[in-house]
C-alpha atoms as a PDB file:
ATOM      1  CA  MET A   1      -6.912 -23.481 -37.381  1.00  0.00           C
ATOM      2  CA  LEU A   2      -8.461 -25.223 -34.391  1.00  0.00           C
ATOM      3  CA  ASP A   3      -6.176 -28.212 -34.943  1.00  0.00           C
ATOM      4  CA  LYS A   4      -3.140 -25.942 -34.784  1.00  0.00           C
ATOM      5  CA  ILE A   5      -4.329 -24.323 -31.576  1.00  0.00           C
ATOM      6  CA  ARG A   6      -4.986 -27.736 -30.063  1.00  0.00           C
ATOM      7  CA  TYR A   7      -1.512 -28.878 -31.121  1.00  0.00           C
ATOM      8  CA  PHE A   8       0.173 -25.795 -29.607  1.00  0.00           C
ATOM      9  CA  ILE A   9      -1.637 -26.223 -26.285  1.00  0.00           C
ATOM     10  CA  LEU A  10      -0.900 -29.945 -26.053  1.00  0.00           C
ATOM     11  CA  ARG A  11       2.718 -29.337 -26.989  1.00  0.00           C
ATOM     12  CA  ALA A  12       3.066 -26.658 -24.313  1.00  0.00           C
ATOM     13  CA  LEU A  13       1.512 -28.921 -21.678  1.00  0.00           C
ATOM     14  CA  ARG A  14       3.792 -31.786 -22.705  1.00  0.00           C
ATOM     15  CA  ASN A  15       6.819 -29.528 -22.326  1.00  0.00           C
ATOM     16  CA  MET A  16       5.644 -28.567 -18.825  1.00  0.00           C
ATOM     17  CA  ARG A  17       5.159 -32.220 -17.849  1.00  0.00           C
ATOM     18  CA  GLN A  18       8.684 -32.982 -18.999  1.00  0.00           C
ATOM     19  CA  TRP A  19      10.188 -30.703 -16.311  1.00  0.00           C
ATOM     20  CA  PRO A  20       7.590 -30.677 -13.490  1.00  0.00           C
ATOM     21  CA  PHE A  21       9.976 -29.508 -10.771  1.00  0.00           C
ATOM     22  CA  LEU A  22      11.320 -26.524 -12.707  1.00  0.00           C
ATOM     23  CA  CYS A  23       7.862 -25.702 -13.998  1.00  0.00           C
ATOM     24  CA  THR A  24       6.505 -25.657 -10.446  1.00  0.00           C
ATOM     25  CA  ALA A  25       9.470 -23.529  -9.327  1.00  0.00           C
ATOM     26  CA  SER A  26       8.741 -21.050 -12.117  1.00  0.00           C
ATOM     27  CA  ILE A  27       5.062 -20.771 -11.189  1.00  0.00           C
ATOM     28  CA  LEU A  28       5.767 -20.396  -7.454  1.00  0.00           C
ATOM     29  CA  THR A  29       8.529 -17.844  -8.023  1.00  0.00           C
ATOM     30  CA  MET A  30       6.280 -15.714 -10.208  1.00  0.00           C
ATOM     31  CA  ALA A  31       3.437 -16.065  -7.709  1.00  0.00           C
ATOM     32  CA  ILE A  32       5.622 -14.989  -4.777  1.00  0.00           C
ATOM     33  CA  ALA A  33       7.153 -12.122  -6.751  1.00  0.00           C
ATOM     34  CA  LEU A  34       3.810 -10.740  -7.923  1.00  0.00           C
ATOM     35  CA  ALA A  35       2.196 -11.257  -4.512  1.00  0.00           C
ATOM     36  CA  THR A  36       5.090  -9.437  -2.808  1.00  0.00           C
ATOM     37  CA  VAL A  37       4.807  -6.426  -5.107  1.00  0.00           C
ATOM     38  CA  ALA A  38       1.021  -6.347  -4.699  1.00  0.00           C
ATOM     39  CA  THR A  39       1.289  -6.708  -0.907  1.00  0.00           C
ATOM     40  CA  PHE A  40       3.593  -3.714  -0.603  1.00  0.00           C
ATOM     41  CA  PHE A  41       1.248  -1.821  -2.921  1.00  0.00           C
ATOM     42  CA  LEU A  42      -1.748  -2.599  -0.690  1.00  0.00           C
ATOM     43  CA  VAL A  43       0.101  -1.718   2.521  1.00  0.00           C
ATOM     44  CA  VAL A  44       1.311   1.608   1.123  1.00  0.00           C
ATOM     45  CA  VAL A  45      -2.112   2.497  -0.329  1.00  0.00           C
ATOM     46  CA  ASN A  46      -3.883   1.780   2.962  1.00  0.00           C
ATOM     47  CA  ILE A  47      -1.262   3.652   4.990  1.00  0.00           C
ATOM     48  CA  GLU A  48      -1.600   6.656   2.676  1.00  0.00           C
ATOM     49  CA  GLN A  49      -5.386   6.503   3.047  1.00  0.00           C
ATOM     50  CA  LEU A  50      -4.959   6.339   6.812  1.00  0.00           C
ATOM     51  CA  ALA A  51      -2.618   9.332   6.740  1.00  0.00           C
ATOM     52  CA  LEU A  52      -5.149  11.232   4.610  1.00  0.00           C
ATOM     53  CA  ARG A  53      -7.826  10.429   7.167  1.00  0.00           C
ATOM     54  CA  TRP A  54      -5.624  11.734   9.973  1.00  0.00           C
ATOM     55  CA  THR A  55      -4.911  14.876   7.938  1.00  0.00           C
ATOM     56  CA  GLN A  56      -8.637  15.628   7.903  1.00  0.00           C
ATOM     57  CA  GLU A  57      -8.635  15.554  11.709  1.00  0.00           C
ATOM     58  CA  ILE A  58      -5.588  17.804  12.232  1.00  0.00           C
ATOM     59  CA  GLN A  59      -6.219  20.711  14.569  1.00  0.00           C
ATOM     60  CA  VAL A  60      -4.107  23.149  16.558  1.00  0.00           C
ATOM     61  CA  ILE A  61      -4.616  23.018  20.324  1.00  0.00           C
ATOM     62  CA  ALA A  62      -3.411  26.001  22.350  1.00  0.00           C
ATOM     63  CA  TYR A  63      -3.124  25.404  26.107  1.00  0.00           C
ATOM     64  CA  LEU A  64      -3.443  28.655  28.048  1.00  0.00           C
ATOM     65  CA  ASN A  65      -1.306  29.981  30.897  1.00  0.00           C
ATOM     66  CA  LYS A  66      -4.261  31.720  32.478  1.00  0.00           C
ATOM     67  CA  VAL A  67      -7.975  30.993  32.334  1.00  0.00           C
ATOM     68  CA  PRO A  68      -9.740  33.872  30.505  1.00  0.00           C
ATOM     69  CA  SER A  69     -12.892  35.409  31.884  1.00  0.00           C
ATOM     70  CA  GLN A  70     -16.216  34.407  30.408  1.00  0.00           C
ATOM     71  CA  ASN A  71     -16.586  37.775  28.684  1.00  0.00           C
ATOM     72  CA  ASN A  72     -13.081  37.553  27.265  1.00  0.00           C
ATOM     73  CA  VAL A  73     -13.631  34.041  25.848  1.00  0.00           C
ATOM     74  CA  ALA A  74     -16.121  35.309  23.241  1.00  0.00           C
ATOM     75  CA  LYS A  75     -13.741  38.080  22.231  1.00  0.00           C
ATOM     76  CA  LEU A  76     -10.809  35.675  21.865  1.00  0.00           C
ATOM     77  CA  LYS A  77     -12.913  33.235  19.837  1.00  0.00           C
ATOM     78  CA  ASP A  78     -13.869  36.044  17.469  1.00  0.00           C
ATOM     79  CA  GLN A  79     -10.210  37.080  17.038  1.00  0.00           C
ATOM     80  CA  LEU A  80      -9.096  33.497  16.454  1.00  0.00           C
ATOM     81  CA  SER A  81     -11.837  32.821  13.918  1.00  0.00           C
ATOM     82  CA  ARG A  82     -10.524  35.721  11.849  1.00  0.00           C
ATOM     83  CA  ILE A  83      -7.098  34.112  11.413  1.00  0.00           C
ATOM     84  CA  SER A  84      -6.652  33.038   7.812  1.00  0.00           C
ATOM     85  CA  GLY A  85      -7.143  29.269   7.496  1.00  0.00           C
ATOM     86  CA  VAL A  86      -9.079  28.752  10.725  1.00  0.00           C
ATOM     87  CA  GLU A  87     -12.374  26.948  10.125  1.00  0.00           C
ATOM     88  CA  THR A  88     -13.639  26.326  13.668  1.00  0.00           C
ATOM     89  CA  VAL A  89     -12.747  27.565  17.155  1.00  0.00           C
ATOM     90  CA  ILE A  90     -13.746  25.637  20.274  1.00  0.00           C
ATOM     91  CA  TYR A  91     -13.012  26.740  23.823  1.00  0.00           C
ATOM     92  CA  VAL A  92     -12.429  23.909  26.308  1.00  0.00           C
ATOM     93  CA  SER A  93     -12.660  24.970  29.936  1.00  0.00           C
ATOM     94  CA  GLN A  94     -10.739  23.270  32.732  1.00  0.00           C
ATOM     95  CA  LYS A  95     -13.899  21.460  33.818  1.00  0.00           C
ATOM     96  CA  GLU A  96     -14.602  20.190  30.291  1.00  0.00           C
ATOM     97  CA  ALA A  97     -10.998  19.086  29.899  1.00  0.00           C
ATOM     98  CA  LEU A  98     -11.254  17.027  33.080  1.00  0.00           C
ATOM     99  CA  GLU A  99     -14.543  15.462  31.927  1.00  0.00           C
ATOM    100  CA  ARG A 100     -12.923  14.477  28.608  1.00  0.00           C
ATOM    101  CA  PHE A 101     -10.017  12.937  30.479  1.00  0.00           C
ATOM    102  CA  LYS A 102     -12.390  10.902  32.618  1.00  0.00           C
ATOM    103  CA  LYS A 103     -14.157   9.559  29.524  1.00  0.00           C
ATOM    104  CA  ARG A 104     -10.853   8.486  28.020  1.00  0.00           C
ATOM    105  CA  LEU A 105      -9.922   6.675  31.204  1.00  0.00           C
ATOM    106  CA  GLY A 106     -13.173   4.726  31.053  1.00  0.00           C
ATOM    107  CA  GLU A 107     -13.329   2.224  33.905  1.00  0.00           C
ATOM    108  CA  ASP A 108     -10.272   3.818  35.489  1.00  0.00           C
ATOM    109  CA  ALA A 109     -11.982   7.204  35.852  1.00  0.00           C
ATOM    110  CA  SER A 110     -12.259   6.594  39.588  1.00  0.00           C
ATOM    111  CA  LEU A 111      -8.549   7.376  39.829  1.00  0.00           C
ATOM    112  CA  LEU A 112      -9.446  11.050  39.402  1.00  0.00           C
ATOM    113  CA  GLU A 113     -11.773  11.184  42.405  1.00  0.00           C
ATOM    114  CA  GLY A 114     -10.758  13.984  44.708  1.00  0.00           C
ATOM    115  CA  VAL A 115      -8.692  15.692  42.015  1.00  0.00           C
ATOM    116  CA  LYS A 116      -9.253  19.439  41.655  1.00  0.00           C
ATOM    117  CA  ARG A 117     -11.247  20.607  38.665  1.00  0.00           C
ATOM    118  CA  ASP A 118      -8.530  23.061  37.693  1.00  0.00           C
ATOM    119  CA  LEU A 119      -5.950  20.275  37.289  1.00  0.00           C
ATOM    120  CA  LEU A 120      -5.912  20.576  33.509  1.00  0.00           C
ATOM    121  CA  PRO A 121      -5.399  23.853  31.632  1.00  0.00           C
ATOM    122  CA  ALA A 122      -8.063  25.555  29.572  1.00  0.00           C
ATOM    123  CA  SER A 123      -7.485  25.502  25.835  1.00  0.00           C
ATOM    124  CA  PHE A 124      -8.634  26.616  22.411  1.00  0.00           C
ATOM    125  CA  GLU A 125      -9.018  23.997  19.656  1.00  0.00           C
ATOM    126  CA  LEU A 126      -8.631  25.382  16.151  1.00  0.00           C
ATOM    127  CA  GLY A 127      -9.912  23.385  13.172  1.00  0.00           C
ATOM    128  CA  LEU A 128      -8.223  24.265   9.879  1.00  0.00           C
ATOM    129  CA  PHE A 129      -9.374  24.279   6.265  1.00  0.00           C
ATOM    130  CA  SER A 130      -7.929  21.394   4.212  1.00  0.00           C
ATOM    131  CA  GLU A 131      -5.523  23.620   2.241  1.00  0.00           C
ATOM    132  CA  TYR A 132      -3.998  24.839   5.533  1.00  0.00           C
ATOM    133  CA  ARG A 133      -3.225  21.376   6.914  1.00  0.00           C
ATOM    134  CA  ASN A 134       0.454  21.460   6.066  1.00  0.00           C
ATOM    135  CA  GLN A 135       3.619  22.485   7.894  1.00  0.00           C
ATOM    136  CA  GLN A 136       4.032  25.902   6.285  1.00  0.00           C
ATOM    137  CA  GLN A 137       0.435  27.059   6.684  1.00  0.00           C
ATOM    138  CA  ILE A 138       0.181  25.730  10.250  1.00  0.00           C
ATOM    139  CA  ALA A 139       3.302  27.717  11.157  1.00  0.00           C
ATOM    140  CA  THR A 140       1.589  30.875   9.887  1.00  0.00           C
ATOM    141  CA  VAL A 141      -1.546  30.124  11.913  1.00  0.00           C
ATOM    142  CA  ILE A 142       0.513  29.522  15.057  1.00  0.00           C
ATOM    143  CA  GLU A 143       2.367  32.805  14.595  1.00  0.00           C
ATOM    144  CA  HIS A 144      -0.928  34.732  14.562  1.00  0.00           C
ATOM    145  CA  LEU A 145      -2.300  32.636  17.407  1.00  0.00           C
ATOM    146  CA  GLU A 146       0.634  33.409  19.712  1.00  0.00           C
ATOM    147  CA  ASN A 147       0.055  37.128  19.161  1.00  0.00           C
ATOM    148  CA  ILE A 148      -3.496  36.784  20.480  1.00  0.00           C
ATOM    149  CA  LEU A 149      -3.241  34.215  23.295  1.00  0.00           C
ATOM    150  CA  ASP A 150      -1.013  33.758  26.334  1.00  0.00           C
ATOM    151  CA  VAL A 151       0.009  30.246  25.317  1.00  0.00           C
ATOM    152  CA  ASP A 152       1.605  27.747  27.666  1.00  0.00           C
ATOM    153  CA  ASP A 153       1.919  24.952  25.097  1.00  0.00           C
ATOM    154  CA  LEU A 154       0.863  24.090  21.547  1.00  0.00           C
ATOM    155  CA  ARG A 155      -0.042  20.699  20.101  1.00  0.00           C
ATOM    156  CA  TYR A 156      -0.640  19.648  16.507  1.00  0.00           C
ATOM    157  CA  GLY A 157       0.098  16.394  14.679  1.00  0.00           C
ATOM    158  CA  GLN A 158       1.480  17.631  11.354  1.00  0.00           C
ATOM    159  CA  LYS A 159       5.143  16.886  12.072  1.00  0.00           C
ATOM    160  CA  TRP A 160       4.344  13.356  13.179  1.00  0.00           C
ATOM    161  CA  LEU A 161       2.066  12.877  10.179  1.00  0.00           C
ATOM    162  CA  GLU A 162       4.783  13.984   7.750  1.00  0.00           C
ATOM    163  CA  ARG A 163       7.185  11.499   9.324  1.00  0.00           C
ATOM    164  CA  PHE A 164       4.537   8.834   8.878  1.00  0.00           C
ATOM    165  CA  ASN A 165       4.240   9.761   5.189  1.00  0.00           C
ATOM    166  CA  ASP A 166       8.027   9.513   4.874  1.00  0.00           C
ATOM    167  CA  PHE A 167       7.784   6.015   6.329  1.00  0.00           C
ATOM    168  CA  ALA A 168       5.208   5.136   3.657  1.00  0.00           C
ATOM    169  CA  LYS A 169       7.591   6.392   0.957  1.00  0.00           C
ATOM    170  CA  ILE A 170      10.415   4.245   2.340  1.00  0.00           C
ATOM    171  CA  LEU A 171       8.069   1.262   2.419  1.00  0.00           C
ATOM    172  CA  ARG A 172       7.124   1.909  -1.215  1.00  0.00           C
ATOM    173  CA  PHE A 173      10.806   2.069  -2.198  1.00  0.00           C
ATOM    174  CA  ILE A 174      11.545  -1.220  -0.407  1.00  0.00           C
ATOM    175  CA  GLY A 175       8.597  -2.832  -2.165  1.00  0.00           C
ATOM    176  CA  ILE A 176       9.849  -1.671  -5.575  1.00  0.00           C
ATOM    177  CA  VAL A 177      13.399  -2.918  -4.934  1.00  0.00           C
ATOM    178  CA  LEU A 178      12.384  -6.249  -3.420  1.00  0.00           C
ATOM    179  CA  GLY A 179       9.619  -6.790  -5.950  1.00  0.00           C
ATOM    180  CA  GLY A 180      11.960  -5.959  -8.827  1.00  0.00           C
ATOM    181  CA  PHE A 181      14.504  -8.467  -7.558  1.00  0.00           C
ATOM    182  CA  LEU A 182      11.871 -11.206  -7.225  1.00  0.00           C
ATOM    183  CA  LEU A 183      10.449 -10.449 -10.665  1.00  0.00           C
ATOM    184  CA  PHE A 184      13.926 -10.725 -12.157  1.00  0.00           C
ATOM    185  CA  ALA A 185      14.389 -14.047 -10.349  1.00  0.00           C
ATOM    186  CA  ALA A 186      11.073 -15.271 -11.748  1.00  0.00           C
ATOM    187  CA  LEU A 187      12.095 -14.188 -15.246  1.00  0.00           C
ATOM    188  CA  PHE A 188      15.415 -16.017 -14.857  1.00  0.00           C
ATOM    189  CA  ILE A 189      13.773 -19.263 -13.698  1.00  0.00           C
ATOM    190  CA  VAL A 190      11.147 -19.215 -16.466  1.00  0.00           C
ATOM    191  CA  SER A 191      13.864 -18.543 -19.021  1.00  0.00           C
ATOM    192  CA  ASN A 192      15.969 -21.441 -17.800  1.00  0.00           C
ATOM    193  CA  THR A 193      12.986 -23.788 -17.679  1.00  0.00           C
ATOM    194  CA  ILE A 194      12.257 -23.076 -21.356  1.00  0.00           C
ATOM    195  CA  LYS A 195      15.968 -23.311 -22.098  1.00  0.00           C
ATOM    196  CA  LEU A 196      16.167 -26.839 -20.689  1.00  0.00           C
ATOM    197  CA  THR A 197      13.162 -27.830 -22.770  1.00  0.00           C
ATOM    198  CA  LEU A 198      14.895 -26.467 -25.854  1.00  0.00           C
ATOM    199  CA  TYR A 199      18.056 -28.400 -25.017  1.00  0.00           C
ATOM    200  CA  ALA A 200      16.091 -31.612 -24.639  1.00  0.00           C
ATOM    201  CA  ARG A 201      14.299 -31.119 -27.964  1.00  0.00           C
ATOM    202  CA  ARG A 202      17.044 -29.481 -30.033  1.00  0.00           C
ATOM    203  CA  ASP A 203      17.306 -32.491 -32.371  1.00  0.00           C
ATOM    204  CA  GLU A 204      13.550 -32.547 -32.836  1.00  0.00           C
ATOM    205  CA  LEU A 205      13.508 -28.805 -33.513  1.00  0.00           C
ATOM    206  CA  GLU A 206      16.236 -29.146 -36.139  1.00  0.00           C
ATOM    207  CA  ILE A 207      14.272 -31.905 -37.881  1.00  0.00           C
ATOM    208  CA  MET A 208      11.111 -29.793 -37.796  1.00  0.00           C
ATOM    209  CA  ALA A 209      13.017 -26.923 -39.382  1.00  0.00           C
ATOM    210  CA  LEU A 210      14.438 -29.218 -42.095  1.00  0.00           C
ATOM    211  CA  VAL A 211      11.025 -30.567 -43.058  1.00  0.00           C
ATOM    212  CA  GLY A 212       9.663 -27.044 -43.502  1.00  0.00           C
ATOM    213  CA  ALA A 213       8.281 -25.968 -40.135  1.00  0.00           C
ATOM    214  CA  THR A 214       8.326 -22.181 -39.805  1.00  0.00           C
ATOM    215  CA  MET A 215      10.074 -20.456 -36.909  1.00  0.00           C
ATOM    216  CA  ARG A 216       6.699 -19.198 -35.733  1.00  0.00           C
ATOM    217  CA  PHE A 217       5.334 -22.752 -35.664  1.00  0.00           C
ATOM    218  CA  ILE A 218       8.341 -23.850 -33.575  1.00  0.00           C
ATOM    219  CA  LYS A 219       8.270 -20.903 -31.169  1.00  0.00           C
ATOM    220  CA  ILE A 220       4.572 -20.657 -30.356  1.00  0.00           C
ATOM    221  CA  PRO A 221       4.394 -23.757 -28.073  1.00  0.00           C
ATOM    222  CA  PHE A 222       7.283 -22.445 -25.964  1.00  0.00           C
ATOM    223  CA  MET A 223       5.778 -18.979 -25.745  1.00  0.00           C
ATOM    224  CA  LEU A 224       2.465 -20.571 -24.831  1.00  0.00           C
ATOM    225  CA  GLU A 225       4.237 -22.614 -22.170  1.00  0.00           C
ATOM    226  CA  GLY A 226       5.597 -19.439 -20.595  1.00  0.00           C
ATOM    227  CA  ALA A 227       2.187 -17.783 -20.828  1.00  0.00           C
ATOM    228  CA  ILE A 228       0.486 -20.734 -19.085  1.00  0.00           C
ATOM    229  CA  GLN A 229       3.081 -20.704 -16.323  1.00  0.00           C
ATOM    230  CA  GLY A 230       2.607 -16.946 -15.952  1.00  0.00           C
ATOM    231  CA  LEU A 231      -1.181 -17.297 -15.867  1.00  0.00           C
ATOM    232  CA  LEU A 232      -0.982 -19.927 -13.135  1.00  0.00           C
ATOM    233  CA  GLY A 233       1.563 -17.809 -11.257  1.00  0.00           C
ATOM    234  CA  GLY A 234      -0.683 -14.741 -11.515  1.00  0.00           C
ATOM    235  CA  LEU A 235      -3.752 -16.605 -10.259  1.00  0.00           C
ATOM    236  CA  LEU A 236      -1.744 -18.154  -7.434  1.00  0.00           C
ATOM    237  CA  SER A 237      -0.347 -14.730  -6.474  1.00  0.00           C
ATOM    238  CA  LEU A 238      -3.893 -13.365  -6.255  1.00  0.00           C
ATOM    239  CA  LEU A 239      -4.813 -16.265  -3.959  1.00  0.00           C
ATOM    240  CA  PHE A 240      -1.726 -15.637  -1.787  1.00  0.00           C
ATOM    241  CA  LEU A 241      -2.506 -11.932  -1.653  1.00  0.00           C
ATOM    242  CA  THR A 242      -6.153 -12.495  -0.666  1.00  0.00           C
ATOM    243  CA  ILE A 243      -5.185 -14.841   2.162  1.00  0.00           C
ATOM    244  CA  PHE A 244      -2.432 -12.495   3.374  1.00  0.00           C
ATOM    245  CA  PHE A 245      -4.765  -9.483   3.219  1.00  0.00           C
ATOM    246  CA  VAL A 246      -7.532 -11.182   5.206  1.00  0.00           C
ATOM    247  CA  PHE A 247      -5.391 -12.791   7.886  1.00  0.00           C
ATOM    248  CA  VAL A 248      -2.432 -10.386   8.211  1.00  0.00           C
ATOM    249  CA  ILE A 249      -2.884  -6.913   6.689  1.00  0.00           C
ATOM    250  CA  SER A 250      -6.497  -6.335   7.767  1.00  0.00           C
ATOM    251  CA  ARG A 251      -5.896  -7.608  11.303  1.00  0.00           C
ATOM    252  CA  SER A 252      -2.662  -5.648  11.694  1.00  0.00           C
ATOM    253  CA  LEU A 253      -4.040  -2.298  10.531  1.00  0.00           C
ATOM    254  CA  THR A 254      -7.436  -2.609  12.207  1.00  0.00           C
ATOM    255  CA  SER A 255      -5.751  -3.457  15.531  1.00  0.00           C
ATOM    256  CA  PHE A 256      -3.466  -0.422  15.155  1.00  0.00           C
ATOM    257  CA  TRP A 257      -4.520   1.829  18.040  1.00  0.00           C
ATOM    258  CA  LEU A 258      -4.482   5.009  15.939  1.00  0.00           C
ATOM    259  CA  THR A 259      -6.762   3.581  13.245  1.00  0.00           C
ATOM    260  CA  PRO A 260     -10.230   5.229  13.213  1.00  0.00           C
ATOM    261  CA  ASN A 261     -13.126   2.867  13.858  1.00  0.00           C
ATOM    262  CA  SER A 262     -14.826   3.790  10.584  1.00  0.00           C
ATOM    263  CA  PHE A 263     -11.691   3.294   8.479  1.00  0.00           C
ATOM    264  CA  ASP A 264     -12.277   0.797   5.644  1.00  0.00           C
ATOM    265  CA  LEU A 265      -9.272  -1.074   4.264  1.00  0.00           C
ATOM    266  CA  LEU A 266      -8.778  -1.068   0.504  1.00  0.00           C
ATOM    267  CA  PHE A 267      -8.163  -4.206  -1.577  1.00  0.00           C
ATOM    268  CA  LEU A 268      -7.264  -4.478  -5.239  1.00  0.00           C
ATOM    269  CA  THR A 269      -9.999  -3.365  -7.600  1.00  0.00           C
ATOM    270  CA  MET A 270     -11.192  -5.802 -10.283  1.00  0.00           C
ATOM    271  CA  ASN A 271      -9.054  -4.040 -12.909  1.00  0.00           C
ATOM    272  CA  GLN A 272      -6.009  -4.243 -10.642  1.00  0.00           C
ATOM    273  CA  GLN A 273      -6.622  -7.957 -10.042  1.00  0.00           C
ATOM    274  CA  ILE A 274      -6.824  -8.567 -13.790  1.00  0.00           C
ATOM    275  CA  THR A 275      -3.637  -6.533 -14.255  1.00  0.00           C
ATOM    276  CA  LEU A 276      -1.887  -8.664 -11.623  1.00  0.00           C
ATOM    277  CA  VAL A 277      -2.811 -11.896 -13.419  1.00  0.00           C
ATOM    278  CA  LEU A 278      -1.917 -10.500 -16.849  1.00  0.00           C
ATOM    279  CA  SER A 279       1.436  -9.348 -15.436  1.00  0.00           C
ATOM    280  CA  GLY A 280       2.189 -13.006 -14.758  1.00  0.00           C
ATOM    281  CA  VAL A 281       1.345 -13.884 -18.362  1.00  0.00           C
ATOM    282  CA  VAL A 282       3.620 -11.114 -19.666  1.00  0.00           C
ATOM    283  CA  LEU A 283       6.386 -12.233 -17.312  1.00  0.00           C
ATOM    284  CA  GLY A 284       6.107 -15.814 -18.564  1.00  0.00           C
ATOM    285  CA  VAL A 285       6.150 -14.785 -22.232  1.00  0.00           C
ATOM    286  CA  LEU A 286       9.193 -12.552 -21.689  1.00  0.00           C
ATOM    287  CA  GLY A 287      10.978 -15.449 -20.015  1.00  0.00           C
ATOM    288  CA  SER A 288      10.224 -17.655 -22.999  1.00  0.00           C
ATOM    289  CA  LEU A 289      11.377 -15.048 -25.498  1.00  0.00           C
ATOM    290  CA  SER A 290      14.696 -14.570 -23.698  1.00  0.00           C
ATOM    291  CA  SER A 291      15.451 -18.284 -24.237  1.00  0.00           C
ATOM    292  CA  LEU A 292      14.102 -18.496 -27.780  1.00  0.00           C
ATOM    293  CA  ARG A 293      16.329 -15.675 -28.947  1.00  0.00           C
ATOM    294  CA  ARG A 294      19.404 -17.716 -28.085  1.00  0.00           C
ATOM    295  CA  PHE A 295      18.251 -21.057 -29.484  1.00  0.00           C
ATOM    296  CA  VAL A 296      15.794 -20.298 -32.264  1.00  0.00           C
ATOM    297  CA  ARG A 297      16.538 -17.716 -34.913  1.00  0.00           C
ATOM    298  CA  PHE A 298      13.791 -15.267 -35.737  1.00  0.00           C
END
């Protein structure tokens, strides 16, 4: 049994050495295809996590036409807190709004020297429960809010966030299409590499069949050849993906100005990494089988 396994492995390696250029092309194509699919997967997953993080911070900000009296502020806060879906209510006076603006300006806060304290409008900031952080529920909250307050303007990020989610869906679709095309190309190249090996050894295969070699004995080295190419392609794709994640994806997303400071980027889990490598093996075996069906009868 061990002798047979040793023979199959040596035969597969000899076949690969016979066509080094095509073998290398097969491995690289599979590596690029798998790495491309995995890259789009990582980008989409991290963008969706980022969008989920932003969803947790969604709030409705109502800027007021007139500044309410101190006694009226407590009454308005009580009315707003009773709106279905409202979790927190914070009143921001004109003075507090100006102080916040100065903090955001940082070193440029001196530009506001001499500016009146009533430059910015007073506002109410409404935090919402998680189940109300969607377009339909926010619209209901705003309808009740406008009946209570004399609103000059309203701000909330749900529309922008939904557009961002749509962008993530488009990115996922592009990844599926492009990845599918590259996987098909990898399958085609592996198939043709095995096919050329079969052409070169067709006389030898016929002799082996005549002297009693079973079809399984003939096919296994070629299937093993495809599996080895797929394994190398899968490992190489994981290396490509790791390098691309460290030097491109992580730097791009962490430098994105809307990314929270505490946001941690996600990489492939151990199971996903194993799946990526095994996908290369499956791809290589399928490529081998597509050639064997045309040249070796089952």
